[in-house]
Protein backbone atom coordinates (compact mmCIF):
# COMPACT_ATOMS: atom_id res chain seq x y z
CA UNK A 1 -56.54 55.05 -17.88
CA UNK A 2 -59.45 57.27 -16.76
CA UNK A 3 -61.78 56.49 -13.89
CA UNK A 4 -64.54 55.91 -16.42
CA UNK A 5 -62.29 53.47 -18.28
CA UNK A 6 -61.45 51.69 -15.04
CA UNK A 7 -65.10 51.37 -14.13
CA UNK A 8 -65.85 50.05 -17.60
CA UNK A 9 -63.22 47.38 -17.15
CA UNK A 10 -64.82 46.19 -13.98
CA UNK A 11 -68.32 46.38 -15.45
CA UNK A 12 -67.05 44.15 -18.25
CA UNK A 13 -65.56 41.73 -15.75
CA UNK A 14 -68.83 41.62 -13.79
CA UNK A 15 -70.78 40.71 -16.90
CA UNK A 16 -68.36 38.06 -18.07
CA UNK A 17 -68.40 36.35 -14.68
CA UNK A 18 -72.17 35.89 -14.57
CA UNK A 19 -74.54 33.45 -16.17
CA UNK A 20 -77.36 34.40 -18.48
CA UNK A 21 -79.70 34.11 -15.52
CA UNK A 22 -78.13 37.19 -13.99
CA UNK A 23 -79.49 39.41 -16.76
CA UNK A 24 -82.94 40.87 -16.83
CA UNK A 25 -84.34 42.25 -20.06
CA UNK A 26 -87.65 43.60 -21.27
CA UNK A 27 -87.54 42.25 -24.81
CA UNK A 28 -84.19 40.52 -24.70
CA UNK A 29 -80.91 41.58 -26.30
CA UNK A 30 -82.22 40.78 -29.76
CA UNK A 31 -85.05 43.22 -29.17
CA UNK A 32 -82.56 46.03 -29.01
CA UNK A 33 -82.98 46.93 -25.36
CA UNK A 34 -79.96 46.91 -23.06
CA UNK A 35 -79.60 44.07 -20.60
CA UNK A 36 -79.85 45.12 -16.97
CA UNK A 37 -77.35 43.55 -14.58
CA UNK A 38 -78.62 42.64 -11.15
CA UNK A 39 -76.49 44.03 -8.29
CA UNK A 40 -73.74 41.64 -7.28
CA UNK A 41 -74.77 41.60 -3.64
CA UNK A 42 -78.04 39.94 -4.65
CA UNK A 43 -76.23 37.08 -6.33
CA UNK A 44 -72.74 36.84 -4.84
CA UNK A 45 -71.99 39.16 -1.90
CA UNK A 46 -68.38 37.95 -1.55
CA UNK A 47 -67.58 38.63 -5.21
CA UNK A 48 -69.22 42.04 -4.94
CA UNK A 49 -67.18 42.92 -1.87
CA UNK A 50 -63.92 41.84 -3.56
CA UNK A 51 -64.71 43.86 -6.68
CA UNK A 52 -65.57 46.97 -4.68
CA UNK A 53 -62.25 46.69 -2.81
CA UNK A 54 -60.40 46.50 -6.12
CA UNK A 55 -62.22 49.55 -7.46
CA UNK A 56 -61.54 51.46 -4.23
CA UNK A 57 -57.83 50.61 -4.45
CA UNK A 58 -57.66 51.85 -8.05
CA UNK A 59 -59.47 55.09 -7.17
CA UNK A 60 -57.07 55.76 -4.29
CA UNK A 61 -54.08 55.02 -6.51
CA UNK A 62 -55.33 57.36 -9.21
CA UNK A 63 -56.02 60.11 -6.71
CA UNK A 64 -52.55 59.82 -5.21
CA UNK A 65 -50.82 59.69 -8.60
CA UNK A 66 -49.45 56.20 -7.97
CA UNK A 67 -50.39 53.63 -10.60
CA UNK A 68 -47.65 51.00 -10.83
CA UNK A 69 -49.82 48.69 -12.92
CA UNK A 70 -50.15 51.21 -15.72
CA UNK A 71 -46.93 53.20 -15.19
CA UNK A 72 -44.51 53.68 -18.06
CA UNK A 73 -41.52 52.46 -16.11
CA UNK A 74 -40.57 48.86 -15.55
CA UNK A 75 -41.41 47.17 -12.25
CA UNK A 76 -38.17 46.47 -10.44
CA UNK A 77 -37.05 43.00 -9.37
CA UNK A 78 -36.87 42.39 -5.64
CA UNK A 79 -33.61 43.44 -3.96
CA UNK A 80 -31.29 40.93 -2.31
CA UNK A 81 -30.54 40.95 1.44
CA UNK A 82 -28.00 43.74 0.95
CA UNK A 83 -30.36 45.94 -1.07
CA UNK A 84 -28.92 45.24 -4.54
CA UNK A 85 -31.37 45.00 -7.45
CA UNK A 86 -30.39 43.02 -10.54
CA UNK A 87 -31.14 45.00 -13.72
CA UNK A 88 -29.97 42.39 -16.24
CA UNK A 89 -31.03 38.78 -15.71
CA UNK A 90 -28.45 37.28 -18.07
CA UNK A 91 -31.14 35.71 -20.25
CA UNK A 92 -33.06 38.43 -22.07
CA UNK A 93 -33.61 42.19 -22.18
CA UNK A 94 -36.59 42.29 -19.80
CA UNK A 95 -36.92 45.84 -18.49
CA UNK A 96 -34.75 47.29 -21.25
CA UNK A 97 -35.69 49.07 -24.46
CA UNK A 98 -33.47 49.63 -27.49
CA UNK A 99 -32.91 49.02 -31.17
CA UNK A 100 -33.23 45.24 -31.73
CA UNK A 101 -30.89 45.48 -34.70
CA UNK A 102 -28.11 46.49 -32.31
CA UNK A 103 -28.78 44.97 -28.90
CA UNK A 104 -29.04 41.26 -28.11
CA UNK A 105 -28.14 38.77 -25.38
CA UNK A 106 -25.30 36.30 -26.03
CA UNK A 107 -23.73 33.87 -23.58
CA UNK A 108 -25.05 35.70 -20.53
CA UNK A 109 -24.07 39.23 -21.56
CA UNK A 110 -25.61 42.13 -23.48
CA UNK A 111 -23.98 42.67 -26.88
CA UNK A 112 -24.22 45.91 -28.81
CA UNK A 113 -23.05 45.60 -32.40
CA UNK A 114 -23.93 46.75 -35.90
CA UNK A 115 -21.84 47.09 -39.05
CA UNK A 116 -22.93 50.68 -39.62
CA UNK A 117 -25.06 52.91 -37.41
CA UNK A 118 -27.15 55.66 -38.96
CA UNK A 119 -29.11 58.36 -37.17
CA UNK A 120 -26.59 59.17 -34.44
CA UNK A 121 -25.76 57.56 -31.11
CA UNK A 122 -28.32 55.12 -29.77
CA UNK A 123 -28.94 53.61 -26.34
CA UNK A 124 -30.31 50.58 -24.56
CA UNK A 125 -32.53 52.08 -21.87
CA UNK A 126 -33.64 50.64 -18.56
CA UNK A 127 -37.24 51.74 -18.12
CA UNK A 128 -37.15 52.98 -14.54
CA UNK A 129 -35.92 56.27 -13.03
CA UNK A 130 -33.39 56.37 -10.19
CA UNK A 131 -32.20 59.24 -7.99
CA UNK A 132 -29.54 58.33 -5.42
CA UNK A 133 -27.82 54.98 -5.87
CA UNK A 134 -24.76 52.83 -6.34
CA UNK A 135 -24.59 51.17 -9.76
CA UNK A 136 -22.27 48.36 -10.81
CA UNK A 137 -21.70 47.01 -14.31
CA UNK A 138 -19.02 44.98 -16.04
CA UNK A 139 -18.11 45.74 -19.64
CA UNK A 140 -15.79 45.02 -22.54
CA UNK A 141 -15.07 47.29 -25.48
CA UNK A 142 -14.01 44.51 -27.82
CA UNK A 143 -10.44 45.00 -29.08
CA UNK A 144 -10.58 48.56 -27.76
CA UNK A 145 -12.51 49.74 -30.81
CA UNK A 146 -15.37 52.23 -30.82
CA UNK A 147 -16.94 54.19 -28.00
CA UNK A 148 -19.62 53.53 -25.43
CA UNK A 149 -20.67 54.57 -21.95
CA UNK A 150 -23.14 54.14 -19.11
CA UNK A 151 -25.80 56.81 -18.70
CA UNK A 152 -27.18 57.73 -15.28
CA UNK A 153 -29.79 60.27 -14.20
CA UNK A 154 -30.54 60.76 -17.89
CA UNK A 155 -33.52 61.63 -20.08
CA UNK A 156 -34.83 59.89 -23.17
CA UNK A 157 -35.85 61.79 -26.28
CA UNK A 158 -35.99 60.95 -29.98
CA UNK A 159 -34.24 61.92 -33.19
CA UNK A 160 -36.43 61.02 -36.15
CA UNK A 161 -36.44 57.25 -36.58
CA UNK A 162 -34.00 56.88 -33.68
CA UNK A 163 -36.32 56.50 -30.69
CA UNK A 164 -33.53 55.69 -28.29
CA UNK A 165 -31.72 59.00 -27.82
CA UNK A 166 -30.52 59.88 -24.33
CA UNK A 167 -29.06 62.99 -22.73
CA UNK A 168 -27.36 63.26 -19.35
CA UNK A 169 -24.45 62.06 -17.23
CA UNK A 170 -22.27 59.39 -18.83
CA UNK A 171 -19.49 57.25 -17.39
CA UNK A 172 -17.42 57.10 -20.55
CA UNK A 173 -15.94 54.04 -22.24
CA UNK A 174 -13.40 54.58 -25.00
CA UNK A 175 -9.72 55.19 -25.68
CA UNK A 176 -8.75 58.47 -24.02
CA UNK A 177 -12.12 58.59 -22.25
CA UNK A 178 -12.12 55.65 -19.85
CA UNK A 179 -13.38 56.63 -16.40
CA UNK A 180 -14.22 60.22 -17.33
CA UNK A 181 -17.58 61.92 -16.74
CA UNK A 182 -19.28 63.31 -19.83
CA UNK A 183 -22.70 64.89 -20.27
CA UNK A 184 -24.31 63.53 -23.43
CA UNK A 185 -26.12 66.23 -25.43
CA UNK A 186 -25.34 68.72 -22.71
CA UNK A 187 -22.28 70.40 -21.22
CA UNK A 188 -19.80 67.90 -22.66
CA UNK A 189 -16.84 66.83 -20.52
CA UNK A 190 -17.66 67.52 -16.88
CA UNK A 191 -14.74 65.79 -15.18
CA UNK A 192 -11.65 64.76 -17.15
CA UNK A 193 -8.87 65.08 -14.60
CA UNK A 194 -8.36 61.76 -12.86
CA UNK A 195 -8.23 61.42 -9.11
CA UNK A 196 -6.59 58.08 -9.87
CA UNK A 197 -5.86 56.88 -13.39
CA UNK A 198 -7.63 53.57 -14.05
CA UNK A 199 -6.05 50.58 -15.74
CA UNK A 200 -8.09 48.87 -18.46
CA UNK A 201 -8.00 45.08 -18.73
CA UNK A 202 -6.10 43.68 -21.71
CA UNK A 203 -7.10 40.88 -24.08
CA UNK A 204 -10.80 41.68 -23.83
CA UNK A 205 -10.97 41.16 -20.09
CA UNK A 206 -14.00 42.34 -18.14
CA UNK A 207 -13.76 45.83 -16.64
CA UNK A 208 -15.99 47.04 -13.82
CA UNK A 209 -17.63 50.41 -13.23
CA UNK A 210 -19.03 51.37 -9.85
CA UNK A 211 -20.95 54.63 -10.10
CA UNK A 212 -22.32 56.43 -7.06
CA UNK A 213 -24.83 59.27 -7.36
CA UNK A 214 -25.81 60.87 -4.07
CA UNK A 215 -27.27 64.36 -3.98
CA UNK A 216 -25.12 66.64 -6.13
CA UNK A 217 -22.08 64.34 -5.97
CA UNK A 218 -21.07 61.68 -8.48
CA UNK A 219 -18.21 59.21 -8.06
CA UNK A 220 -16.91 56.85 -10.73
CA UNK A 221 -14.77 53.89 -9.73
CA UNK A 222 -13.19 51.88 -12.51
CA UNK A 223 -11.51 48.54 -11.83
CA UNK A 224 -11.26 49.24 -8.12
CA UNK A 225 -9.89 52.80 -8.14
CA UNK A 226 -11.75 56.10 -7.81
CA UNK A 227 -11.20 57.73 -11.18
CA UNK A 228 -13.52 60.73 -10.91
CA UNK A 229 -15.25 62.67 -8.15
CA UNK A 230 -17.58 65.45 -9.25
CA UNK A 231 -19.88 67.82 -7.40
CA UNK A 232 -22.45 69.31 -9.80
CA UNK A 233 -23.24 72.70 -8.32
CA UNK A 234 -25.13 73.98 -11.36
CA UNK A 235 -28.60 74.26 -9.87
CA UNK A 236 -30.26 74.67 -13.27
CA UNK A 237 -28.50 71.87 -15.16
CA UNK A 238 -27.66 69.29 -12.50
CA UNK A 239 -29.86 66.18 -12.76
CA UNK A 240 -31.35 64.79 -9.58
CA UNK A 241 -32.82 61.62 -11.09
CA UNK A 242 -33.32 59.86 -14.39
CA UNK A 243 -32.96 56.67 -16.38
CA UNK A 244 -29.99 54.37 -16.92
CA UNK A 245 -28.77 53.65 -20.43
CA UNK A 246 -26.01 51.85 -22.32
CA UNK A 247 -24.53 53.75 -25.26
CA UNK A 248 -23.68 52.53 -28.73
CA UNK A 249 -21.78 55.29 -30.51
CA UNK A 250 -22.02 56.14 -34.19
CA UNK A 251 -20.83 55.25 -36.79
CA UNK A 252 -20.78 51.70 -35.39
CA UNK A 253 -18.60 48.89 -36.66
CA UNK A 254 -17.58 47.66 -33.19
CA UNK A 255 -18.92 45.57 -30.33
CA UNK A 256 -19.47 46.48 -26.68
CA UNK A 257 -20.55 44.00 -24.00
CA UNK A 258 -22.20 44.42 -20.60
CA UNK A 259 -23.05 42.02 -17.79
CA UNK A 260 -23.67 41.85 -14.02
CA UNK A 261 -25.60 45.11 -13.98
CA UNK A 262 -27.08 45.87 -10.59
CA UNK A 263 -28.15 48.90 -8.55
CA UNK A 264 -28.52 49.73 -4.88
CA UNK A 265 -30.85 52.67 -4.18
CA UNK A 266 -29.66 55.02 -1.45
CA UNK A 267 -31.96 56.76 0.99
């Protein structure tokens, strides 16, 4: 929003908050002349002062490049006493963006499922960038079928009708890939040799990822063991911040579930 647009908004609010007695005209509105608004301080000094403070705040925010009200990213929930921020509320997909034909909330978890996926891999994206953090998420790849993953420090792009394309670091989920670090639409497998081999829960039990990104280092813990430690020393390709996303891999025909997704930003 431009400064002119902002001012127009407040001019509109000033007009709507006044009575017809606050307008002075020569011939009246029907006569074609514009109505003149009397200054607020002549009618309501307190309202004028409040409005001017709001305008001043917006001007400062625009000048500093900080506009949370109109920013593209989602406003974060408040952290708990330990600094953890809940990214999925267990009820709906507030804060997330993805293909509604694939992603839905069922019984307190996020379900990704479609009989056949066209247009390539797609993602459910949390609309807020993060840099250094600890991220936790529980997941199930139902019956071990298909492939998924959790994106961190990633970027969103588009591929034709598929608006939810993501590139970047991925904590992989899939047979032969569990716990490994992959770079979607980038350098491919970044870390495939386990520090400790993780054990995946049987009978559709809930697994838990704990992903730490701090500076150039990424650590992936899976079900309580450190599976991967990676130090990205590629100054040109290493990502320092980005979005979080949940992958649904083509060609589909499987279900993946996520719940208890939370993040703790690191200083």
